[in-house]
Amino acid sequence: MNSKIIARQKIRYRIRKKISGSGQKPRLSIYRSNRDIYVQLIDDQNGVTLAAASSRQADIAAQKVSKVESSKMVGSAIAKKSEELGIKNVVFDRSGYIYHGRIKAVAEGAREGGLIF
């Protein structure tokens, strides 16, 4: 396997040892592919995904914007879904990615949408 992927996996496992989500304060997990970005609100105690959003959703994919701007829209979309579920606080899980660019844009969009982390 690629050493870059292995390094990210090690960082990811180190982060996951320290954080976990509950029903009241779920984990906001991010996956970033080359083209798209996916976020989930996860309750680790019950092993359930509470809500999800991605840049492949019709309303976000229809807009021809940069990947960073679409990531910000994904952050605000997950904030809107969590608000409908009555969730304000989350634990941010960057999944081993460096906190800049698209990951930072998701976090900013979620914060502007009303999530606290």
PDB file of N, CA and C in Angstrom:
ATOM      1  N   MET A   1       0.828  -1.203   0.000  1.00  0.00           N
ATOM      2  CA  MET A   1       0.000   0.000   0.000  1.00  0.00           C
ATOM      3  C   MET A   1       0.865   1.257   0.000  1.00  0.00           C
ATOM      4  N   ASN A   2       0.255   2.326  -0.385  1.00  0.00           N
ATOM      5  CA  ASN A   2       0.914   3.619  -0.444  1.00  0.00           C
ATOM      6  C   ASN A   2       1.260   4.097   0.968  1.00  0.00           C
ATOM      7  N   SER A   3       2.469   4.599   1.174  1.00  0.00           N
ATOM      8  CA  SER A   3       2.887   5.037   2.508  1.00  0.00           C
ATOM      9  C   SER A   3       2.066   6.231   2.992  1.00  0.00           C
ATOM     10  N   LYS A   4       1.574   7.043   2.061  1.00  0.00           N
ATOM     11  CA  LYS A   4       0.745   8.190   2.430  1.00  0.00           C
ATOM     12  C   LYS A   4      -0.582   7.717   3.024  1.00  0.00           C
ATOM     13  N   ILE A   5      -1.155   6.679   2.428  1.00  0.00           N
ATOM     14  CA  ILE A   5      -2.412   6.117   2.932  1.00  0.00           C
ATOM     15  C   ILE A   5      -2.207   5.476   4.295  1.00  0.00           C
ATOM     16  N   ILE A   6      -1.107   4.747   4.456  1.00  0.00           N
ATOM     17  CA  ILE A   6      -0.804   4.105   5.736  1.00  0.00           C
ATOM     18  C   ILE A   6      -0.616   5.154   6.829  1.00  0.00           C
ATOM     19  N   ALA A   7       0.079   6.234   6.509  1.00  0.00           N
ATOM     20  CA  ALA A   7       0.301   7.307   7.489  1.00  0.00           C
ATOM     21  C   ALA A   7      -1.027   7.921   7.922  1.00  0.00           C
ATOM     22  N   ARG A   8      -1.947   8.145   6.958  1.00  0.00           N
ATOM     23  CA  ARG A   8      -3.252   8.716   7.310  1.00  0.00           C
ATOM     24  C   ARG A   8      -4.045   7.753   8.172  1.00  0.00           C
ATOM     25  N   GLN A   9      -3.959   6.448   7.881  1.00  0.00           N
ATOM     26  CA  GLN A   9      -4.669   5.450   8.682  1.00  0.00           C
ATOM     27  C   GLN A   9      -4.177   5.472  10.127  1.00  0.00           C
ATOM     28  N   LYS A  10      -2.858   5.591  10.318  1.00  0.00           N
ATOM     29  CA  LYS A  10      -2.301   5.636  11.674  1.00  0.00           C
ATOM     30  C   LYS A  10      -2.823   6.854  12.435  1.00  0.00           C
ATOM     31  N   ILE A  11      -2.834   8.003  11.749  1.00  0.00           N
ATOM     32  CA  ILE A  11      -3.342   9.232  12.364  1.00  0.00           C
ATOM     33  C   ILE A  11      -4.823   9.059  12.699  1.00  0.00           C
ATOM     34  N   ARG A  12      -5.566   8.456  11.762  1.00  0.00           N
ATOM     35  CA  ARG A  12      -7.008   8.247  11.936  1.00  0.00           C
ATOM     36  C   ARG A  12      -7.288   7.370  13.152  1.00  0.00           C
ATOM     37  N   TYR A  13      -6.541   6.274  13.299  1.00  0.00           N
ATOM     38  CA  TYR A  13      -6.740   5.381  14.440  1.00  0.00           C
ATOM     39  C   TYR A  13      -6.368   6.073  15.756  1.00  0.00           C
ATOM     40  N   ARG A  14      -5.319   6.906  15.723  1.00  0.00           N
ATOM     41  CA  ARG A  14      -4.907   7.642  16.920  1.00  0.00           C
ATOM     42  C   ARG A  14      -6.008   8.615  17.356  1.00  0.00           C
ATOM     43  N   ILE A  15      -6.634   9.285  16.385  1.00  0.00           N
ATOM     44  CA  ILE A  15      -7.728  10.214  16.684  1.00  0.00           C
ATOM     45  C   ILE A  15      -8.927   9.450  17.238  1.00  0.00           C
ATOM     46  N   ARG A  16      -9.263   8.311  16.612  1.00  0.00           N
ATOM     47  CA  ARG A  16     -10.451   7.541  17.006  1.00  0.00           C
ATOM     48  C   ARG A  16     -10.330   6.922  18.389  1.00  0.00           C
ATOM     49  N   LYS A  17      -9.081   6.721  18.860  1.00  0.00           N
ATOM     50  CA  LYS A  17      -8.898   6.219  20.223  1.00  0.00           C
ATOM     51  C   LYS A  17      -9.372   7.245  21.248  1.00  0.00           C
ATOM     52  N   LYS A  18      -9.224   8.513  20.900  1.00  0.00           N
ATOM     53  CA  LYS A  18      -9.504   9.592  21.844  1.00  0.00           C
ATOM     54  C   LYS A  18     -10.939  10.099  21.789  1.00  0.00           C
ATOM     55  N   ILE A  19     -11.602  10.013  20.626  1.00  0.00           N
ATOM     56  CA  ILE A  19     -12.935  10.594  20.496  1.00  0.00           C
ATOM     57  C   ILE A  19     -13.969   9.547  20.120  1.00  0.00           C
ATOM     58  N   SER A  20     -15.189   9.754  20.577  1.00  0.00           N
ATOM     59  CA  SER A  20     -16.313   8.935  20.135  1.00  0.00           C
ATOM     60  C   SER A  20     -17.582   9.756  20.297  1.00  0.00           C
ATOM     61  N   GLY A  21     -18.602   9.384  19.561  1.00  0.00           N
ATOM     62  CA  GLY A  21     -19.853  10.132  19.575  1.00  0.00           C
ATOM     63  C   GLY A  21     -20.925   9.409  20.362  1.00  0.00           C
ATOM     64  N   SER A  22     -21.870  10.186  20.887  1.00  0.00           N
ATOM     65  CA  SER A  22     -23.011   9.615  21.602  1.00  0.00           C
ATOM     66  C   SER A  22     -24.285  10.123  20.933  1.00  0.00           C
ATOM     67  N   GLY A  23     -25.432   9.741  21.473  1.00  0.00           N
ATOM     68  CA  GLY A  23     -26.696  10.190  20.903  1.00  0.00           C
ATOM     69  C   GLY A  23     -26.883  11.687  21.037  1.00  0.00           C
ATOM     70  N   GLN A  24     -26.463  12.253  22.191  1.00  0.00           N
ATOM     71  CA  GLN A  24     -26.612  13.690  22.419  1.00  0.00           C
ATOM     72  C   GLN A  24     -25.505  14.488  21.728  1.00  0.00           C
ATOM     73  N   LYS A  25     -24.311  13.898  21.630  1.00  0.00           N
ATOM     74  CA  LYS A  25     -23.176  14.592  21.023  1.00  0.00           C
ATOM     75  C   LYS A  25     -22.498  13.640  20.033  1.00  0.00           C
ATOM     76  N   PRO A  26     -23.050  13.521  18.808  1.00  0.00           N
ATOM     77  CA  PRO A  26     -22.513  12.574  17.833  1.00  0.00           C
ATOM     78  C   PRO A  26     -21.181  13.034  17.244  1.00  0.00           C
ATOM     79  N   ARG A  27     -20.526  12.100  16.576  1.00  0.00           N
ATOM     80  CA  ARG A  27     -19.247  12.369  15.933  1.00  0.00           C
ATOM     81  C   ARG A  27     -19.502  12.812  14.505  1.00  0.00           C
ATOM     82  N   LEU A  28     -18.937  13.949  14.114  1.00  0.00           N
ATOM     83  CA  LEU A  28     -19.033  14.457  12.743  1.00  0.00           C
ATOM     84  C   LEU A  28     -17.821  13.941  11.983  1.00  0.00           C
ATOM     85  N   SER A  29     -18.011  12.854  11.233  1.00  0.00           N
ATOM     86  CA  SER A  29     -16.928  12.186  10.535  1.00  0.00           C
ATOM     87  C   SER A  29     -16.889  12.627   9.078  1.00  0.00           C
ATOM     88  N   ILE A  30     -15.680  12.804   8.550  1.00  0.00           N
ATOM     89  CA  ILE A  30     -15.490  13.292   7.189  1.00  0.00           C
ATOM     90  C   ILE A  30     -14.727  12.258   6.367  1.00  0.00           C
ATOM     91  N   TYR A  31     -15.159  12.057   5.121  1.00  0.00           N
ATOM     92  CA  TYR A  31     -14.366  11.296   4.159  1.00  0.00           C
ATOM     93  C   TYR A  31     -14.194  12.168   2.929  1.00  0.00           C
ATOM     94  N   ARG A  32     -12.963  12.274   2.472  1.00  0.00           N
ATOM     95  CA  ARG A  32     -12.654  13.123   1.326  1.00  0.00           C
ATOM     96  C   ARG A  32     -12.076  12.268   0.197  1.00  0.00           C
ATOM     97  N   SER A  33     -12.748  12.231  -0.932  1.00  0.00           N
ATOM     98  CA  SER A  33     -12.185  11.579  -2.111  1.00  0.00           C
ATOM     99  C   SER A  33     -11.599  12.669  -2.999  1.00  0.00           C
ATOM    100  N   ASN A  34     -11.058  12.275  -4.138  1.00  0.00           N
ATOM    101  CA  ASN A  34     -10.458  13.284  -5.022  1.00  0.00           C
ATOM    102  C   ASN A  34     -11.489  14.270  -5.551  1.00  0.00           C
ATOM    103  N   ARG A  35     -12.709  13.798  -5.790  1.00  0.00           N
ATOM    104  CA  ARG A  35     -13.733  14.655  -6.378  1.00  0.00           C
ATOM    105  C   ARG A  35     -14.758  15.144  -5.361  1.00  0.00           C
ATOM    106  N   ASP A  36     -15.193  14.275  -4.461  1.00  0.00           N
ATOM    107  CA  ASP A  36     -16.309  14.586  -3.565  1.00  0.00           C
ATOM    108  C   ASP A  36     -15.885  14.570  -2.102  1.00  0.00           C
ATOM    109  N   ILE A  37     -16.812  15.025  -1.256  1.00  0.00           N
ATOM    110  CA  ILE A  37     -16.599  14.991   0.190  1.00  0.00           C
ATOM    111  C   ILE A  37     -17.891  14.512   0.845  1.00  0.00           C
ATOM    112  N   TYR A  38     -17.749  13.667   1.859  1.00  0.00           N
ATOM    113  CA  TYR A  38     -18.889  13.055   2.529  1.00  0.00           C
ATOM    114  C   TYR A  38     -18.769  13.299   4.024  1.00  0.00           C
ATOM    115  N   VAL A  39     -19.879  13.633   4.689  1.00  0.00           N
ATOM    116  CA  VAL A  39     -19.881  13.794   6.151  1.00  0.00           C
ATOM    117  C   VAL A  39     -21.039  12.994   6.744  1.00  0.00           C
ATOM    118  N   GLN A  40     -20.814  12.504   7.963  1.00  0.00           N
ATOM    119  CA  GLN A  40     -21.835  11.746   8.671  1.00  0.00           C
ATOM    120  C   GLN A  40     -21.865  12.165  10.126  1.00  0.00           C
ATOM    121  N   LEU A  41     -23.046  12.133  10.724  1.00  0.00           N
ATOM    122  CA  LEU A  41     -23.181  12.258  12.169  1.00  0.00           C
ATOM    123  C   LEU A  41     -23.368  10.848  12.707  1.00  0.00           C
ATOM    124  N   ILE A  42     -22.447  10.392  13.540  1.00  0.00           N
ATOM    125  CA  ILE A  42     -22.429   9.001  13.981  1.00  0.00           C
ATOM    126  C   ILE A  42     -22.578   8.912  15.494  1.00  0.00           C
ATOM    127  N   ASP A  43     -23.494   8.049  15.932  1.00  0.00           N
ATOM    128  CA  ASP A  43     -23.646   7.695  17.345  1.00  0.00           C
ATOM    129  C   ASP A  43     -22.857   6.410  17.555  1.00  0.00           C
ATOM    130  N   ASP A  44     -21.663   6.507  18.140  1.00  0.00           N
ATOM    131  CA  ASP A  44     -20.790   5.344  18.287  1.00  0.00           C
ATOM    132  C   ASP A  44     -21.272   4.371  19.353  1.00  0.00           C
ATOM    133  N   GLN A  45     -22.023   4.848  20.338  1.00  0.00           N
ATOM    134  CA  GLN A  45     -22.506   3.953  21.393  1.00  0.00           C
ATOM    135  C   GLN A  45     -23.488   2.926  20.841  1.00  0.00           C
ATOM    136  N   ASN A  46     -24.333   3.340  19.899  1.00  0.00           N
ATOM    137  CA  ASN A  46     -25.292   2.430  19.291  1.00  0.00           C
ATOM    138  C   ASN A  46     -24.860   1.967  17.903  1.00  0.00           C
ATOM    139  N   GLY A  47     -23.778   2.531  17.383  1.00  0.00           N
ATOM    140  CA  GLY A  47     -23.296   2.157  16.061  1.00  0.00           C
ATOM    141  C   GLY A  47     -24.245   2.546  14.946  1.00  0.00           C
ATOM    142  N   VAL A  48     -24.790   3.767  15.019  1.00  0.00           N
ATOM    143  CA  VAL A  48     -25.814   4.216  14.081  1.00  0.00           C
ATOM    144  C   VAL A  48     -25.394   5.539  13.443  1.00  0.00           C
ATOM    145  N   THR A  49     -25.628   5.655  12.136  1.00  0.00           N
ATOM    146  CA  THR A  49     -25.453   6.931  11.458  1.00  0.00           C
ATOM    147  C   THR A  49     -26.761   7.705  11.576  1.00  0.00           C
ATOM    148  N   LEU A  50     -26.700   8.891  12.182  1.00  0.00           N
ATOM    149  CA  LEU A  50     -27.906   9.690  12.422  1.00  0.00           C
ATOM    150  C   LEU A  50     -28.275  10.534  11.201  1.00  0.00           C
ATOM    151  N   ALA A  51     -27.273  11.097  10.532  1.00  0.00           N
ATOM    152  CA  ALA A  51     -27.524  11.927   9.355  1.00  0.00           C
ATOM    153  C   ALA A  51     -26.266  11.913   8.490  1.00  0.00           C
ATOM    154  N   ALA A  52     -26.460  12.189   7.208  1.00  0.00           N
ATOM    155  CA  ALA A  52     -25.325  12.232   6.284  1.00  0.00           C
ATOM    156  C   ALA A  52     -25.565  13.284   5.216  1.00  0.00           C
ATOM    157  N   ALA A  53     -24.477  13.800   4.678  1.00  0.00           N
ATOM    158  CA  ALA A  53     -24.551  14.753   3.570  1.00  0.00           C
ATOM    159  C   ALA A  53     -23.296  14.569   2.723  1.00  0.00           C
ATOM    160  N   SER A  54     -23.417  14.901   1.442  1.00  0.00           N
ATOM    161  CA  SER A  54     -22.242  14.804   0.577  1.00  0.00           C
ATOM    162  C   SER A  54     -22.348  15.804  -0.556  1.00  0.00           C
ATOM    163  N   SER A  55     -21.226  15.978  -1.240  1.00  0.00           N
ATOM    164  CA  SER A  55     -21.209  16.891  -2.375  1.00  0.00           C
ATOM    165  C   SER A  55     -21.868  16.271  -3.602  1.00  0.00           C
ATOM    166  N   ARG A  56     -22.322  15.021  -3.498  1.00  0.00           N
ATOM    167  CA  ARG A  56     -23.021  14.364  -4.607  1.00  0.00           C
ATOM    168  C   ARG A  56     -24.532  14.582  -4.540  1.00  0.00           C
ATOM    169  N   GLN A  57     -25.032  15.234  -3.473  1.00  0.00           N
ATOM    170  CA  GLN A  57     -26.461  15.522  -3.382  1.00  0.00           C
ATOM    171  C   GLN A  57     -26.850  16.434  -4.535  1.00  0.00           C
ATOM    172  N   ALA A  58     -28.062  16.255  -5.033  1.00  0.00           N
ATOM    173  CA  ALA A  58     -28.506  16.955  -6.241  1.00  0.00           C
ATOM    174  C   ALA A  58     -28.402  18.478  -6.122  1.00  0.00           C
ATOM    175  N   ASP A  59     -28.814  19.037  -4.975  1.00  0.00           N
ATOM    176  CA  ASP A  59     -28.799  20.497  -4.838  1.00  0.00           C
ATOM    177  C   ASP A  59     -27.382  21.062  -4.784  1.00  0.00           C
ATOM    178  N   ILE A  60     -26.437  20.315  -4.241  1.00  0.00           N
ATOM    179  CA  ILE A  60     -25.053  20.792  -4.170  1.00  0.00           C
ATOM    180  C   ILE A  60     -24.321  20.507  -5.480  1.00  0.00           C
ATOM    181  N   ALA A  61     -24.529  19.323  -6.061  1.00  0.00           N
ATOM    182  CA  ALA A  61     -23.839  18.948  -7.296  1.00  0.00           C
ATOM    183  C   ALA A  61     -24.291  19.803  -8.483  1.00  0.00           C
ATOM    184  N   ALA A  62     -25.521  20.310  -8.440  1.00  0.00           N
ATOM    185  CA  ALA A  62     -26.050  21.109  -9.546  1.00  0.00           C
ATOM    186  C   ALA A  62     -25.325  22.448  -9.675  1.00  0.00           C
ATOM    187  N   GLN A  63     -24.790  22.948  -8.561  1.00  0.00           N
ATOM    188  CA  GLN A  63     -24.100  24.235  -8.600  1.00  0.00           C
ATOM    189  C   GLN A  63     -22.666  24.030  -9.045  1.00  0.00           C
ATOM    190  N   LYS A  64     -22.269  24.760 -10.047  1.00  0.00           N
ATOM    191  CA  LYS A  64     -20.907  24.625 -10.577  1.00  0.00           C
ATOM    192  C   LYS A  64     -19.976  25.574  -9.815  1.00  0.00           C
ATOM    193  N   VAL A  65     -19.475  25.065  -8.670  1.00  0.00           N
ATOM    194  CA  VAL A  65     -18.555  25.851  -7.845  1.00  0.00           C
ATOM    195  C   VAL A  65     -17.317  24.998  -7.572  1.00  0.00           C
ATOM    196  N   SER A  66     -16.319  25.610  -6.941  1.00  0.00           N
ATOM    197  CA  SER A  66     -15.098  24.878  -6.641  1.00  0.00           C
ATOM    198  C   SER A  66     -15.349  23.833  -5.552  1.00  0.00           C
ATOM    199  N   LYS A  67     -14.385  22.927  -5.384  1.00  0.00           N
ATOM    200  CA  LYS A  67     -14.534  21.863  -4.396  1.00  0.00           C
ATOM    201  C   LYS A  67     -14.579  22.419  -2.977  1.00  0.00           C
ATOM    202  N   VAL A  68     -13.841  23.486  -2.715  1.00  0.00           N
ATOM    203  CA  VAL A  68     -13.845  24.097  -1.380  1.00  0.00           C
ATOM    204  C   VAL A  68     -15.208  24.715  -1.089  1.00  0.00           C
ATOM    205  N   GLU A  69     -15.781  25.397  -2.068  1.00  0.00           N
ATOM    206  CA  GLU A  69     -17.094  26.022  -1.867  1.00  0.00           C
ATOM    207  C   GLU A  69     -18.187  24.970  -1.712  1.00  0.00           C
ATOM    208  N   SER A  70     -18.098  23.878  -2.464  1.00  0.00           N
ATOM    209  CA  SER A  70     -19.093  22.818  -2.312  1.00  0.00           C
ATOM    210  C   SER A  70     -18.936  22.125  -0.959  1.00  0.00           C
ATOM    211  N   SER A  71     -17.710  22.054  -0.453  1.00  0.00           N
ATOM    212  CA  SER A  71     -17.476  21.478   0.875  1.00  0.00           C
ATOM    213  C   SER A  71     -18.138  22.325   1.957  1.00  0.00           C
ATOM    214  N   LYS A  72     -18.082  23.634   1.778  1.00  0.00           N
ATOM    215  CA  LYS A  72     -18.733  24.528   2.737  1.00  0.00           C
ATOM    216  C   LYS A  72     -20.248  24.324   2.717  1.00  0.00           C
ATOM    217  N   MET A  73     -20.799  24.098   1.517  1.00  0.00           N
ATOM    218  CA  MET A  73     -22.231  23.811   1.396  1.00  0.00           C
ATOM    219  C   MET A  73     -22.597  22.494   2.073  1.00  0.00           C
ATOM    220  N   VAL A  74     -21.715  21.506   1.978  1.00  0.00           N
ATOM    221  CA  VAL A  74     -21.948  20.215   2.639  1.00  0.00           C
ATOM    222  C   VAL A  74     -21.980  20.412   4.150  1.00  0.00           C
ATOM    223  N   GLY A  75     -21.080  21.262   4.672  1.00  0.00           N
ATOM    224  CA  GLY A  75     -21.072  21.569   6.104  1.00  0.00           C
ATOM    225  C   GLY A  75     -22.364  22.212   6.561  1.00  0.00           C
ATOM    226  N   SER A  76     -22.868  23.154   5.788  1.00  0.00           N
ATOM    227  CA  SER A  76     -24.128  23.804   6.159  1.00  0.00           C
ATOM    228  C   SER A  76     -25.302  22.843   5.996  1.00  0.00           C
ATOM    229  N   ALA A  77     -25.224  21.900   5.033  1.00  0.00           N
ATOM    230  CA  ALA A  77     -26.294  20.912   4.841  1.00  0.00           C
ATOM    231  C   ALA A  77     -26.376  19.964   6.031  1.00  0.00           C
ATOM    232  N   ILE A  78     -25.221  19.524   6.543  1.00  0.00           N
ATOM    233  CA  ILE A  78     -25.234  18.615   7.690  1.00  0.00           C
ATOM    234  C   ILE A  78     -25.686  19.366   8.945  1.00  0.00           C
ATOM    235  N   ALA A  79     -25.377  20.660   9.025  1.00  0.00           N
ATOM    236  CA  ALA A  79     -25.840  21.464  10.166  1.00  0.00           C
ATOM    237  C   ALA A  79     -27.361  21.589  10.139  1.00  0.00           C
ATOM    238  N   LYS A  80     -27.922  21.755   8.948  1.00  0.00           N
ATOM    239  CA  LYS A  80     -29.372  21.853   8.806  1.00  0.00           C
ATOM    240  C   LYS A  80     -30.052  20.546   9.215  1.00  0.00           C
ATOM    241  N   LYS A  81     -29.474  19.414   8.784  1.00  0.00           N
ATOM    242  CA  LYS A  81     -30.039  18.109   9.134  1.00  0.00           C
ATOM    243  C   LYS A  81     -29.936  17.837  10.629  1.00  0.00           C
ATOM    244  N   SER A  82     -28.836  18.256  11.244  1.00  0.00           N
ATOM    245  CA  SER A  82     -28.682  18.030  12.682  1.00  0.00           C
ATOM    246  C   SER A  82     -29.636  18.910  13.474  1.00  0.00           C
ATOM    247  N   GLU A  83     -29.915  20.096  12.955  1.00  0.00           N
ATOM    248  CA  GLU A  83     -30.867  20.987  13.614  1.00  0.00           C
ATOM    249  C   GLU A  83     -32.267  20.363  13.619  1.00  0.00           C
ATOM    250  N   GLU A  84     -32.624  19.686  12.509  1.00  0.00           N
ATOM    251  CA  GLU A  84     -33.916  19.000  12.445  1.00  0.00           C
ATOM    252  C   GLU A  84     -33.996  17.856  13.456  1.00  0.00           C
ATOM    253  N   LEU A  85     -32.843  17.242  13.751  1.00  0.00           N
ATOM    254  CA  LEU A  85     -32.790  16.168  14.743  1.00  0.00           C
ATOM    255  C   LEU A  85     -32.668  16.695  16.167  1.00  0.00           C
ATOM    256  N   GLY A  86     -32.472  18.010  16.310  1.00  0.00           N
ATOM    257  CA  GLY A  86     -32.335  18.613  17.630  1.00  0.00           C
ATOM    258  C   GLY A  86     -30.939  18.470  18.207  1.00  0.00           C
ATOM    259  N   ILE A  87     -29.937  18.381  17.347  1.00  0.00           N
ATOM    260  CA  ILE A  87     -28.547  18.230  17.791  1.00  0.00           C
ATOM    261  C   ILE A  87     -27.811  19.537  17.565  1.00  0.00           C
ATOM    262  N   LYS A  88     -27.183  20.052  18.626  1.00  0.00           N
ATOM    263  CA  LYS A  88     -26.409  21.289  18.530  1.00  0.00           C
ATOM    264  C   LYS A  88     -24.906  21.021  18.646  1.00  0.00           C
ATOM    265  N   ASN A  89     -24.523  20.125  19.580  1.00  0.00           N
ATOM    266  CA  ASN A  89     -23.111  19.848  19.843  1.00  0.00           C
ATOM    267  C   ASN A  89     -22.664  18.577  19.140  1.00  0.00           C
ATOM    268  N   VAL A  90     -21.473  18.626  18.537  1.00  0.00           N
ATOM    269  CA  VAL A  90     -20.896  17.450  17.897  1.00  0.00           C
ATOM    270  C   VAL A  90     -19.407  17.364  18.242  1.00  0.00           C
ATOM    271  N   VAL A  91     -18.834  16.188  18.011  1.00  0.00           N
ATOM    272  CA  VAL A  91     -17.391  15.984  18.140  1.00  0.00           C
ATOM    273  C   VAL A  91     -16.843  15.920  16.730  1.00  0.00           C
ATOM    274  N   PHE A  92     -15.886  16.762  16.401  1.00  0.00           N
ATOM    275  CA  PHE A  92     -15.351  16.844  15.033  1.00  0.00           C
ATOM    276  C   PHE A  92     -14.276  15.787  14.835  1.00  0.00           C
ATOM    277  N   ASP A  93     -14.456  14.939  13.816  1.00  0.00           N
ATOM    278  CA  ASP A  93     -13.493  13.891  13.472  1.00  0.00           C
ATOM    279  C   ASP A  93     -12.965  14.171  12.074  1.00  0.00           C
ATOM    280  N   ARG A  94     -11.728  14.647  11.988  1.00  0.00           N
ATOM    281  CA  ARG A  94     -11.163  15.008  10.683  1.00  0.00           C
ATOM    282  C   ARG A  94     -10.619  13.794   9.943  1.00  0.00           C
ATOM    283  N   SER A  95     -10.682  12.610  10.541  1.00  0.00           N
ATOM    284  CA  SER A  95     -10.314  11.330   9.904  1.00  0.00           C
ATOM    285  C   SER A  95      -8.892  11.300   9.364  1.00  0.00           C
ATOM    286  N   GLY A  96      -7.973  11.947  10.041  1.00  0.00           N
ATOM    287  CA  GLY A  96      -6.575  11.899   9.634  1.00  0.00           C
ATOM    288  C   GLY A  96      -6.190  12.907   8.572  1.00  0.00           C
ATOM    289  N   TYR A  97      -7.148  13.675   8.072  1.00  0.00           N
ATOM    290  CA  TYR A  97      -6.831  14.700   7.087  1.00  0.00           C
ATOM    291  C   TYR A  97      -6.334  15.942   7.801  1.00  0.00           C
ATOM    292  N   ILE A  98      -5.465  16.695   7.131  1.00  0.00           N
ATOM    293  CA  ILE A  98      -4.961  17.937   7.702  1.00  0.00           C
ATOM    294  C   ILE A  98      -6.099  18.957   7.720  1.00  0.00           C
ATOM    295  N   TYR A  99      -6.193  19.734   8.804  1.00  0.00           N
ATOM    296  CA  TYR A  99      -7.282  20.704   8.952  1.00  0.00           C
ATOM    297  C   TYR A  99      -6.968  21.949   8.119  1.00  0.00           C
ATOM    298  N   HIS A 100      -7.202  21.855   6.820  1.00  0.00           N
ATOM    299  CA  HIS A 100      -7.116  23.014   5.932  1.00  0.00           C
ATOM    300  C   HIS A 100      -7.879  22.674   4.663  1.00  0.00           C
ATOM    301  N   GLY A 101      -8.091  23.654   3.816  1.00  0.00           N
ATOM    302  CA  GLY A 101      -8.769  23.413   2.546  1.00  0.00           C
ATOM    303  C   GLY A 101     -10.198  22.941   2.707  1.00  0.00           C
ATOM    304  N   ARG A 102     -10.523  21.772   2.130  1.00  0.00           N
ATOM    305  CA  ARG A 102     -11.901  21.281   2.119  1.00  0.00           C
ATOM    306  C   ARG A 102     -12.380  20.852   3.494  1.00  0.00           C
ATOM    307  N   ILE A 103     -11.482  20.308   4.310  1.00  0.00           N
ATOM    308  CA  ILE A 103     -11.863  19.880   5.661  1.00  0.00           C
ATOM    309  C   ILE A 103     -12.237  21.109   6.495  1.00  0.00           C
ATOM    310  N   LYS A 104     -11.426  22.150   6.392  1.00  0.00           N
ATOM    311  CA  LYS A 104     -11.697  23.400   7.106  1.00  0.00           C
ATOM    312  C   LYS A 104     -12.985  24.042   6.604  1.00  0.00           C
ATOM    313  N   ALA A 105     -13.247  23.949   5.304  1.00  0.00           N
ATOM    314  CA  ALA A 105     -14.466  24.524   4.725  1.00  0.00           C
ATOM    315  C   ALA A 105     -15.715  23.823   5.267  1.00  0.00           C
ATOM    316  N   VAL A 106     -15.654  22.498   5.421  1.00  0.00           N
ATOM    317  CA  VAL A 106     -16.787  21.760   6.003  1.00  0.00           C
ATOM    318  C   VAL A 106     -17.027  22.230   7.426  1.00  0.00           C
ATOM    319  N   ALA A 107     -15.944  22.360   8.198  1.00  0.00           N
ATOM    320  CA  ALA A 107     -16.065  22.802   9.594  1.00  0.00           C
ATOM    321  C   ALA A 107     -16.654  24.205   9.684  1.00  0.00           C
ATOM    322  N   GLU A 108     -16.201  25.112   8.821  1.00  0.00           N
ATOM    323  CA  GLU A 108     -16.726  26.478   8.838  1.00  0.00           C
ATOM    324  C   GLU A 108     -18.195  26.511   8.443  1.00  0.00           C
ATOM    325  N   GLY A 109     -18.560  25.732   7.427  1.00  0.00           N
ATOM    326  CA  GLY A 109     -19.964  25.674   7.004  1.00  0.00           C
ATOM    327  C   GLY A 109     -20.858  25.120   8.089  1.00  0.00           C
ATOM    328  N   ALA A 110     -20.379  24.112   8.809  1.00  0.00           N
ATOM    329  CA  ALA A 110     -21.153  23.525   9.901  1.00  0.00           C
ATOM    330  C   ALA A 110     -21.303  24.506  11.058  1.00  0.00           C
ATOM    331  N   ARG A 111     -20.226  25.233  11.357  1.00  0.00           N
ATOM    332  CA  ARG A 111     -20.294  26.224  12.449  1.00  0.00           C
ATOM    333  C   ARG A 111     -21.255  27.353  12.096  1.00  0.00           C
ATOM    334  N   GLU A 112     -21.205  27.804  10.842  1.00  0.00           N
ATOM    335  CA  GLU A 112     -22.120  28.869  10.412  1.00  0.00           C
ATOM    336  C   GLU A 112     -23.556  28.389  10.426  1.00  0.00           C
ATOM    337  N   GLY A 113     -23.758  27.075  10.229  1.00  0.00           N
ATOM    338  CA  GLY A 113     -25.094  26.493  10.278  1.00  0.00           C
ATOM    339  C   GLY A 113     -25.625  26.309  11.686  1.00  0.00           C
ATOM    340  N   GLY A 114     -24.756  26.502  12.699  1.00  0.00           N
ATOM    341  CA  GLY A 114     -25.215  26.443  14.082  1.00  0.00           C
ATOM    342  C   GLY A 114     -24.655  25.290  14.902  1.00  0.00           C
ATOM    343  N   LEU A 115     -23.795  24.455  14.320  1.00  0.00           N
ATOM    344  CA  LEU A 115     -23.207  23.361  15.106  1.00  0.00           C
ATOM    345  C   LEU A 115     -22.097  23.896  15.996  1.00  0.00           C
ATOM    346  N   ILE A 116     -21.956  23.297  17.163  1.00  0.00           N
ATOM    347  CA  ILE A 116     -20.931  23.703  18.121  1.00  0.00           C
ATOM    348  C   ILE A 116     -19.954  22.547  18.309  1.00  0.00           C
ATOM    349  N   PHE A 117     -18.670  22.812  18.055  1.00  0.00           N
ATOM    350  CA  PHE A 117     -17.619  21.824  18.327  1.00  0.00           C
ATOM    351  C   PHE A 117     -16.282  22.495  18.518  1.00  0.00           C
TER     352      PHE A 117
END
